[in-house]
Amino acid sequence: MTSGYSAWSLLRGAVGGHRHWPPAWPAVEPKSRYDVIVVGGGGHGLATAYYLAKNHGLRNVAVVERGWIGGGNTGRNTTIVRSNYLYPESARLYDFSLKLYEGLGKDLDFNIMLSQRGLLMLAHSRHDLDAMSRWANAMRMNGIEVNLLDRAAVANLVPALDLSPRARLPVIGGFLQPRGGTARHDAVAWGYARAAAALGVDIIQNCEVRAFLKDGARVTGVETSRGRIQAVRVGIAAAGHSSVLAGLAGFRLPVTSYALQALVTEPIKPALDTVVISPGTGAYISQSDKGGMVIGAMLDLFPSYAQRGSFAVLQAILASTLEMFPSFSRLKMLRHWAGIVDVVHDSSPIIGPTPVPGLYINCGWGTGGFKAIPVGGWTLAHVLATGENHPLAEAFQLERFVTGRLVDEAAASGIAH
């Protein structure tokens, strides 16, 4: 067999569990000094490390994660990828990310299970439809493919929707981004981790950052649960905990952390072959590769660091989902979880330098973090390596909260903020 695997080795792996599997990346002890330290071992942090090595040739890089790789928001989301945003700055950013996703499996030599099944936004009222027409026109002006759909086209695309005259949530149309869809969240994290490690990046788990080392005002490294580590530059990619780390460094972020919850049902045969989002209710649903219905919810609008959500939001989102899909009412819920998302005033990210010299940040993605993993890593890696903002990130600097040049994408986030 040219693959190097014998029938016996495959059988041994199947019977023996993971005991004989080689690690995807090595377990290493932290060195005393790196060129760059990336704080946060989720998708954005791992992508940053990978692009530092691949795009900029920086191999003396460490990713430090207080828990395990992908154990935060990367493993606690609904895996949706899309680029249907309103403003040109956002459209360029998110569509660049989607294009990177489209080639990511080949780039990483790892199957991320990208499924561009299309993403459907539902209109429940004439007001919704008018807003979506404007939204779709903005997408077209930004060069992103989108199709406006009437009620009949929606019915043909998603037969399981309740389109009866007595439906409490009538559907009168919507729009479809054909290139939208889903990817496998753990595969994205593992693919980036494996590829970064292969290029020489140290991935250090169970390594909590407790303080920042400074020479005067400049950050020169981190104090961790595994000792002091020096660095020329430090990047933060810690999603909902970004404000905590900023506080350790001595500055404040315009970030509020909320729980964004989701759930998955027992698996069933294929019944939904597109992603469906209802902006009017905050509900969104897709069917996973395992057959479970993955259902997302709106934000719990009280600050929290707990990886669980409130019963009130869960109840409301299930009620809305079942009004749209009555045939799913007998499905059993298998798991329920929440990610801690970092929401800012304009629902757009922050990518670039902080007020503390030597410290850079990628945060503020709110409910859009998973879809932005590739571009978040690409742009943070650029500024860490060169000291200059990437052109895609120019509009998303921290200083916009002083100048007032916000990029207000709250409407196009697709989730009730």
Protein backbone atom coordinates (compact mmCIF):
# COMPACT_ATOMS: atom_id res chain seq x y z
CA MET A 1 0.00 0.00 0.00
CA THR A 2 1.53 3.31 -1.06
CA SER A 3 -0.14 5.22 1.79
CA GLY A 4 2.09 3.54 4.37
CA TYR A 5 -0.83 2.00 6.26
CA SER A 6 -1.30 -1.77 6.39
CA ALA A 7 -4.61 -3.51 6.94
CA TRP A 8 -3.29 -4.55 10.35
CA SER A 9 -2.43 -0.98 11.38
CA LEU A 10 -5.91 0.20 10.40
CA LEU A 11 -7.53 -2.63 12.32
CA ARG A 12 -5.33 -1.98 15.35
CA GLY A 13 -6.32 1.70 15.29
CA ALA A 14 -10.01 0.85 15.04
CA VAL A 15 -9.90 -1.66 17.91
CA GLY A 16 -7.38 0.11 20.13
CA GLY A 17 -8.87 3.58 20.04
CA HIS A 18 -6.38 6.45 19.97
CA ARG A 19 -3.53 4.69 21.75
CA HIS A 20 -1.46 4.11 18.61
CA TRP A 21 -2.26 7.32 16.77
CA PRO A 22 0.69 9.68 16.26
CA PRO A 23 0.08 13.20 17.68
CA ALA A 24 -0.97 15.82 15.13
CA TRP A 25 1.47 18.29 16.72
CA PRO A 26 4.17 17.76 19.33
CA ALA A 27 3.83 18.62 23.01
CA VAL A 28 6.63 21.11 23.76
CA GLU A 29 8.00 23.03 26.71
CA PRO A 30 8.03 26.80 26.25
CA LYS A 31 11.33 28.36 25.28
CA SER A 32 12.60 31.42 27.12
CA ARG A 33 12.22 33.72 24.11
CA TYR A 34 10.27 33.96 20.84
CA ASP A 35 9.99 36.48 18.05
CA VAL A 36 6.19 36.45 18.45
CA ILE A 37 3.86 35.06 21.09
CA VAL A 38 0.18 34.63 20.19
CA VAL A 39 -2.12 34.45 23.21
CA GLY A 40 -5.10 32.22 22.45
CA GLY A 41 -5.17 28.73 20.94
CA GLY A 42 -8.46 28.99 19.11
CA GLY A 43 -8.95 29.33 15.37
CA HIS A 44 -7.79 32.95 15.14
CA GLY A 45 -4.66 32.39 17.22
CA LEU A 46 -3.68 29.24 15.35
CA ALA A 47 -4.34 30.88 11.99
CA THR A 48 -2.19 33.84 13.05
CA ALA A 49 0.70 31.53 13.91
CA TYR A 50 0.34 29.60 10.68
CA TYR A 51 0.35 32.73 8.50
CA LEU A 52 3.28 34.20 10.45
CA ALA A 53 5.26 31.15 9.43
CA LYS A 54 3.86 30.62 5.93
CA ASN A 55 3.45 34.20 4.69
CA HIS A 56 6.25 35.96 6.59
CA GLY A 57 8.82 33.25 7.31
CA LEU A 58 8.67 33.71 11.09
CA ARG A 59 9.19 30.28 12.66
CA ASN A 60 10.24 31.25 16.19
CA VAL A 61 6.60 31.65 17.21
CA ALA A 62 4.59 30.30 20.13
CA VAL A 63 0.84 29.93 20.64
CA VAL A 64 -0.02 29.86 24.35
CA GLU A 65 -3.44 28.54 25.39
CA ARG A 66 -4.68 28.36 28.97
CA GLY A 67 -6.81 25.29 28.21
CA TRP A 68 -6.74 23.09 25.13
CA ILE A 69 -6.63 23.86 21.44
CA GLY A 70 -10.06 24.85 20.09
CA GLY A 71 -11.70 24.57 23.52
CA GLY A 72 -13.19 28.07 23.44
CA ASN A 73 -15.42 29.66 20.82
CA THR A 74 -13.87 27.67 17.97
CA GLY A 75 -15.48 24.54 19.41
CA ARG A 76 -18.63 26.35 20.59
CA ASN A 77 -20.37 27.77 17.55
CA THR A 78 -22.63 26.77 14.67
CA THR A 79 -19.82 26.53 12.06
CA ILE A 80 -21.47 28.89 9.53
CA VAL A 81 -19.34 30.63 6.87
CA ARG A 82 -20.65 33.54 4.82
CA SER A 83 -19.78 37.03 3.58
CA ASN A 84 -23.18 38.72 3.21
CA TYR A 85 -22.29 42.03 4.83
CA LEU A 86 -23.44 45.56 3.97
CA TYR A 87 -20.43 47.85 3.90
CA PRO A 88 -17.58 47.59 1.39
CA GLU A 89 -14.96 47.35 4.16
CA SER A 90 -16.77 44.40 5.74
CA ALA A 91 -17.55 42.74 2.42
CA ARG A 92 -13.87 42.77 1.43
CA LEU A 93 -12.84 41.40 4.80
CA TYR A 94 -15.35 38.55 5.08
CA ASP A 95 -15.24 37.57 1.41
CA PHE A 96 -11.45 37.32 1.59
CA SER A 97 -12.00 34.96 4.53
CA LEU A 98 -14.52 32.90 2.57
CA LYS A 99 -12.09 32.66 -0.36
CA LEU A 100 -9.39 31.43 2.02
CA TYR A 101 -11.85 28.85 3.36
CA GLU A 102 -12.51 27.67 -0.19
CA GLY A 103 -8.86 26.75 -0.60
CA LEU A 104 -8.06 25.94 3.02
CA GLY A 105 -8.34 22.15 2.81
CA LYS A 106 -5.72 22.05 0.08
CA ASP A 107 -3.55 24.68 1.74
CA LEU A 108 -3.46 22.85 5.09
CA ASP A 109 -3.58 19.35 3.55
CA PHE A 110 -6.45 18.67 5.96
CA ASN A 111 -10.12 18.11 5.22
CA ILE A 112 -12.03 20.94 6.92
CA MET A 113 -15.32 19.54 5.56
CA LEU A 114 -16.32 22.79 3.87
CA SER A 115 -19.88 22.46 2.60
CA GLN A 116 -20.99 25.39 0.44
CA ARG A 117 -24.62 24.37 0.55
CA GLY A 118 -25.86 27.95 0.38
CA LEU A 119 -27.13 30.28 3.07
CA LEU A 120 -30.75 31.44 3.04
CA MET A 121 -31.95 34.56 4.88
CA LEU A 122 -35.71 34.56 5.47
CA ALA A 123 -38.08 37.51 5.17
CA HIS A 124 -41.18 37.27 7.37
CA SER A 125 -42.71 40.65 6.49
CA ARG A 126 -42.78 43.28 3.78
CA HIS A 127 -40.37 45.32 5.87
CA ASP A 128 -37.98 42.35 6.01
CA LEU A 129 -38.19 41.93 2.25
CA ASP A 130 -37.51 45.62 1.57
CA ALA A 131 -34.50 45.51 3.90
CA MET A 132 -33.20 42.36 2.22
CA SER A 133 -33.54 43.91 -1.22
CA ARG A 134 -31.29 46.75 -0.08
CA TRP A 135 -28.97 44.25 1.56
CA ALA A 136 -28.75 42.13 -1.58
CA ASN A 137 -28.10 45.18 -3.75
CA ALA A 138 -25.25 46.21 -1.44
CA MET A 139 -23.77 42.72 -1.75
CA ARG A 140 -23.94 42.90 -5.54
CA MET A 141 -22.24 46.30 -5.51
CA ASN A 142 -19.52 44.73 -3.38
CA GLY A 143 -19.06 41.94 -5.95
CA ILE A 144 -20.65 39.15 -3.90
CA GLU A 145 -23.09 36.76 -5.57
CA VAL A 146 -26.61 36.76 -4.12
CA ASN A 147 -30.04 35.70 -5.34
CA LEU A 148 -33.30 37.30 -4.22
CA LEU A 149 -36.01 34.66 -3.80
CA ASP A 150 -39.78 34.88 -3.74
CA ARG A 151 -41.97 32.66 -1.59
CA ALA A 152 -42.22 29.90 -4.20
CA ALA A 153 -38.45 29.74 -4.63
CA VAL A 154 -37.98 29.49 -0.85
CA ALA A 155 -40.54 26.68 -0.70
CA ASN A 156 -38.74 24.79 -3.44
CA LEU A 157 -35.38 25.22 -1.71
CA VAL A 158 -36.54 24.30 1.83
CA PRO A 159 -39.63 22.05 1.68
CA ALA A 160 -39.59 21.48 5.45
CA LEU A 161 -40.49 25.12 6.16
CA ASP A 162 -44.08 25.79 7.26
CA LEU A 163 -45.47 27.87 4.39
CA SER A 164 -49.12 27.23 5.18
CA PRO A 165 -51.60 30.14 5.32
CA ARG A 166 -51.88 29.72 9.10
CA ALA A 167 -48.15 29.86 9.82
CA ARG A 168 -47.37 32.15 12.76
CA LEU A 169 -44.09 33.13 11.07
CA PRO A 170 -45.10 33.56 7.43
CA VAL A 171 -42.28 33.43 4.89
CA ILE A 172 -42.70 35.80 1.96
CA GLY A 173 -39.22 35.57 0.44
CA GLY A 174 -35.57 36.04 1.23
CA PHE A 175 -32.16 35.88 -0.35
CA LEU A 176 -29.57 33.17 -0.90
CA GLN A 177 -25.77 33.45 -0.83
CA PRO A 178 -24.83 30.35 -2.83
CA ARG A 179 -21.21 30.32 -1.57
CA GLY A 180 -22.25 30.33 2.07
CA GLY A 181 -22.42 27.16 4.12
CA THR A 182 -20.57 25.41 6.93
CA ALA A 183 -17.18 23.97 7.82
CA ARG A 184 -16.13 21.53 10.53
CA HIS A 185 -15.01 23.57 13.56
CA ASP A 186 -12.55 21.12 15.11
CA ALA A 187 -11.08 20.29 11.70
CA VAL A 188 -10.32 23.98 11.14
CA ALA A 189 -8.54 24.22 14.51
CA TRP A 190 -6.64 20.95 14.10
CA GLY A 191 -5.72 21.72 10.50
CA TYR A 192 -4.20 25.08 11.41
CA ALA A 193 -2.47 23.63 14.50
CA ARG A 194 -0.93 20.75 12.57
CA ALA A 195 0.22 22.96 9.71
CA ALA A 196 1.65 25.63 12.02
CA ALA A 197 3.55 23.03 14.05
CA ALA A 198 4.95 21.52 10.85
CA LEU A 199 6.44 24.94 10.06
CA GLY A 200 8.15 25.14 13.45
CA VAL A 201 5.55 26.92 15.61
CA ASP A 202 5.40 25.84 19.27
CA ILE A 203 1.85 25.10 20.46
CA ILE A 204 1.74 25.24 24.24
CA GLN A 205 -1.46 24.13 25.95
CA ASN A 206 -2.38 24.50 29.64
CA CYS A 207 -0.37 27.71 29.73
CA GLU A 208 -2.35 30.59 31.24
CA VAL A 209 -1.17 34.18 30.76
CA ARG A 210 -1.22 35.89 34.15
CA ALA A 211 0.60 39.13 33.39
CA PHE A 212 2.47 40.98 30.67
CA LEU A 213 6.19 41.64 31.01
CA LYS A 214 7.19 45.23 30.26
CA ASP A 215 10.26 47.33 29.69
CA GLY A 216 8.93 50.75 30.51
CA ALA A 217 5.63 51.01 28.63
CA ARG A 218 6.52 48.36 26.04
CA VAL A 219 5.35 44.75 26.31
CA THR A 220 8.30 42.36 26.13
CA GLY A 221 6.64 39.04 26.92
CA VAL A 222 4.21 37.22 29.17
CA GLU A 223 4.17 35.78 32.67
CA THR A 224 2.42 32.41 32.48
CA SER A 225 1.51 29.48 34.67
CA ARG A 226 4.55 27.79 33.12
CA GLY A 227 7.01 30.61 33.66
CA ARG A 228 8.16 33.81 31.98
CA ILE A 229 8.41 33.93 28.20
CA GLN A 230 10.06 36.86 26.40
CA ALA A 231 9.00 38.07 22.93
CA VAL A 232 9.64 40.89 20.49
CA ARG A 233 5.90 41.25 19.87
CA VAL A 234 2.78 39.77 21.46
CA GLY A 235 -0.62 39.27 19.82
CA ILE A 236 -3.92 38.62 21.60
CA ALA A 237 -6.60 36.47 19.93
CA ALA A 238 -8.79 35.50 22.86
CA ALA A 239 -12.36 36.39 21.77
CA GLY A 240 -14.62 36.95 24.80
CA HIS A 241 -11.67 37.14 27.20
CA SER A 242 -9.90 39.91 25.24
CA SER A 243 -10.99 42.59 27.70
CA VAL A 244 -9.56 40.57 30.61
CA LEU A 245 -6.16 40.39 28.92
CA ALA A 246 -6.34 44.06 27.96
CA GLY A 247 -6.91 44.85 31.61
CA LEU A 248 -3.78 42.91 32.53
CA ALA A 249 -1.86 45.02 30.00
CA GLY A 250 -3.24 48.28 31.41
CA PHE A 251 -5.84 49.49 28.90
CA ARG A 252 -9.57 49.15 28.30
CA LEU A 253 -11.38 47.75 25.28
CA PRO A 254 -14.88 48.77 24.10
CA VAL A 255 -15.87 45.12 24.41
CA THR A 256 -18.75 43.47 26.27
CA SER A 257 -18.71 39.69 26.62
CA TYR A 258 -21.97 37.81 26.15
CA ALA A 259 -22.96 34.17 25.92
CA LEU A 260 -24.14 33.01 22.50
CA GLN A 261 -25.80 29.65 22.80
CA ALA A 262 -26.61 26.79 20.47
CA LEU A 263 -27.72 23.17 20.55
CA VAL A 264 -27.72 20.04 18.44
CA THR A 265 -30.41 17.38 18.12
CA GLU A 266 -30.22 13.67 17.63
CA PRO A 267 -29.23 12.66 14.08
CA ILE A 268 -31.83 12.02 11.40
CA LYS A 269 -31.74 11.34 7.69
CA PRO A 270 -30.98 14.31 5.41
CA ALA A 271 -33.83 16.81 5.70
CA LEU A 272 -32.21 20.24 5.29
CA ASP A 273 -29.58 20.86 2.64
CA THR A 274 -29.00 24.58 3.16
CA VAL A 275 -28.33 26.90 6.09
CA VAL A 276 -31.43 28.84 7.11
CA ILE A 277 -31.29 32.10 9.10
CA SER A 278 -34.30 34.03 10.36
CA PRO A 279 -33.00 37.51 11.30
CA GLY A 280 -36.42 38.53 12.58
CA THR A 281 -36.42 35.84 15.27
CA GLY A 282 -32.68 35.30 15.81
CA ALA A 283 -32.99 31.59 14.97
CA TYR A 284 -30.67 29.80 12.56
CA ILE A 285 -30.40 26.14 11.68
CA SER A 286 -28.44 23.71 9.55
CA GLN A 287 -27.99 19.95 9.43
CA SER A 288 -24.56 18.63 10.38
CA ASP A 289 -22.63 15.97 8.51
CA LYS A 290 -23.61 13.57 11.31
CA GLY A 291 -27.31 14.30 10.75
CA GLY A 292 -28.06 16.42 13.82
CA MET A 293 -29.91 19.71 13.51
CA VAL A 294 -27.59 22.48 14.72
CA ILE A 295 -29.73 25.33 16.06
CA GLY A 296 -28.32 28.73 17.01
CA ALA A 297 -29.80 31.47 19.14
CA MET A 298 -29.63 35.17 19.80
CA LEU A 299 -27.34 36.65 22.42
CA ASP A 300 -28.06 36.48 26.13
CA LEU A 301 -27.96 40.25 26.63
CA PHE A 302 -26.26 40.31 30.01
CA PRO A 303 -22.47 40.19 30.40
CA SER A 304 -21.19 36.72 31.22
CA TYR A 305 -18.15 34.47 31.03
CA ALA A 306 -20.15 31.30 31.65
CA GLN A 307 -20.14 28.81 28.77
CA ARG A 308 -23.85 28.25 29.09
CA GLY A 309 -26.92 30.30 28.23
CA SER A 310 -30.19 31.23 29.87
CA PHE A 311 -33.29 29.09 29.65
CA ALA A 312 -35.37 32.06 28.45
CA VAL A 313 -33.32 32.51 25.26
CA LEU A 314 -33.18 28.75 24.67
CA GLN A 315 -36.96 28.50 25.04
CA ALA A 316 -37.58 31.45 22.71
CA ILE A 317 -35.27 30.15 19.99
CA LEU A 318 -36.72 26.65 20.10
CA ALA A 319 -40.23 28.08 19.88
CA SER A 320 -39.29 30.11 16.79
CA THR A 321 -37.48 27.19 15.16
CA LEU A 322 -40.41 24.84 15.66
CA GLU A 323 -42.85 27.41 14.32
CA MET A 324 -40.83 27.40 11.11
CA PHE A 325 -40.12 23.65 11.10
CA PRO A 326 -43.00 21.83 12.86
CA SER A 327 -41.75 18.45 11.67
CA PHE A 328 -38.70 18.80 13.92
CA SER A 329 -40.80 19.01 17.09
CA ARG A 330 -40.20 15.40 18.16
CA LEU A 331 -36.42 15.53 17.87
CA LYS A 332 -34.47 15.08 21.09
CA MET A 333 -31.85 17.64 22.08
CA LEU A 334 -28.46 15.98 22.60
CA ARG A 335 -26.18 18.85 23.64
CA HIS A 336 -26.46 22.50 24.54
CA TRP A 337 -23.58 24.97 24.89
CA ALA A 338 -22.56 28.61 24.69
CA GLY A 339 -19.52 30.51 23.48
CA ILE A 340 -18.33 33.77 25.01
CA VAL A 341 -18.38 36.39 22.26
CA ASP A 342 -16.79 39.84 22.29
CA VAL A 343 -19.31 42.42 21.07
CA VAL A 344 -18.35 46.02 20.30
CA HIS A 345 -20.56 49.00 19.52
CA ASP A 346 -20.57 48.64 15.75
CA SER A 347 -20.45 44.81 15.60
CA SER A 348 -17.20 44.95 13.62
CA PRO A 349 -13.77 43.61 14.62
CA ILE A 350 -10.67 45.26 16.01
CA ILE A 351 -7.43 44.19 14.29
CA GLY A 352 -4.14 45.95 14.91
CA PRO A 353 -1.98 47.72 17.49
CA THR A 354 -3.15 48.53 21.01
CA PRO A 355 -2.26 51.61 23.08
CA VAL A 356 0.54 49.51 24.63
CA PRO A 357 3.67 49.33 22.42
CA GLY A 358 4.59 45.81 21.35
CA LEU A 359 1.05 44.47 21.92
CA TYR A 360 -1.43 43.77 19.12
CA ILE A 361 -4.96 42.43 19.16
CA ASN A 362 -7.59 40.61 17.10
CA CYS A 363 -11.00 40.82 18.78
CA GLY A 364 -14.54 42.20 18.54
CA TRP A 365 -15.85 39.65 16.02
CA GLY A 366 -18.93 39.11 18.16
CA THR A 367 -21.12 36.46 16.58
CA GLY A 368 -18.99 36.34 13.40
CA GLY A 369 -15.75 34.88 14.72
CA PHE A 370 -15.77 31.43 13.12
CA LYS A 371 -16.39 32.62 9.58
CA ALA A 372 -13.53 35.12 9.98
CA ILE A 373 -10.83 32.74 11.27
CA PRO A 374 -8.71 32.77 8.08
CA VAL A 375 -8.80 36.53 7.55
CA GLY A 376 -8.40 37.25 11.26
CA GLY A 377 -5.22 35.19 11.32
CA TRP A 378 -4.00 36.61 8.00
CA THR A 379 -4.36 40.26 9.03
CA LEU A 380 -3.06 39.88 12.60
CA ALA A 381 -0.05 37.97 11.29
CA HIS A 382 0.63 40.79 8.85
CA VAL A 383 0.75 43.53 11.49
CA LEU A 384 2.74 41.35 13.91
CA ALA A 385 5.33 40.58 11.24
CA THR A 386 5.61 43.98 9.55
CA GLY A 387 4.40 46.51 12.10
CA GLU A 388 2.00 47.84 9.43
CA ASN A 389 -1.73 47.25 9.20
CA HIS A 390 -2.95 45.03 6.41
CA PRO A 391 -5.08 47.02 3.92
CA LEU A 392 -8.09 44.83 4.75
CA ALA A 393 -7.78 45.82 8.41
CA GLU A 394 -7.33 49.58 8.01
CA ALA A 395 -11.00 50.33 8.69
CA PHE A 396 -11.02 48.17 11.81
CA GLN A 397 -8.53 49.93 14.06
CA LEU A 398 -9.16 50.62 17.73
CA GLU A 399 -8.89 54.35 17.12
CA ARG A 400 -12.23 54.40 15.30
CA PHE A 401 -13.95 54.51 18.68
CA VAL A 402 -12.24 57.86 19.22
CA THR A 403 -12.74 59.30 15.73
CA GLY A 404 -16.29 57.98 15.34
CA ARG A 405 -15.60 56.30 11.98
CA LEU A 406 -17.53 53.17 12.91
CA VAL A 407 -18.45 50.34 10.52
CA ASP A 408 -21.92 49.52 11.81
CA GLU A 409 -22.72 45.94 10.79
CA ALA A 410 -25.24 45.17 13.54
CA ALA A 411 -27.99 44.61 10.98
CA ALA A 412 -25.95 42.33 8.73
CA SER A 413 -24.62 40.24 11.57
CA GLY A 414 -27.78 38.20 11.18
CA ILE A 415 -28.15 37.81 14.96
CA ALA A 416 -30.22 39.93 17.31
CA HIS A 417 -27.71 42.12 19.16
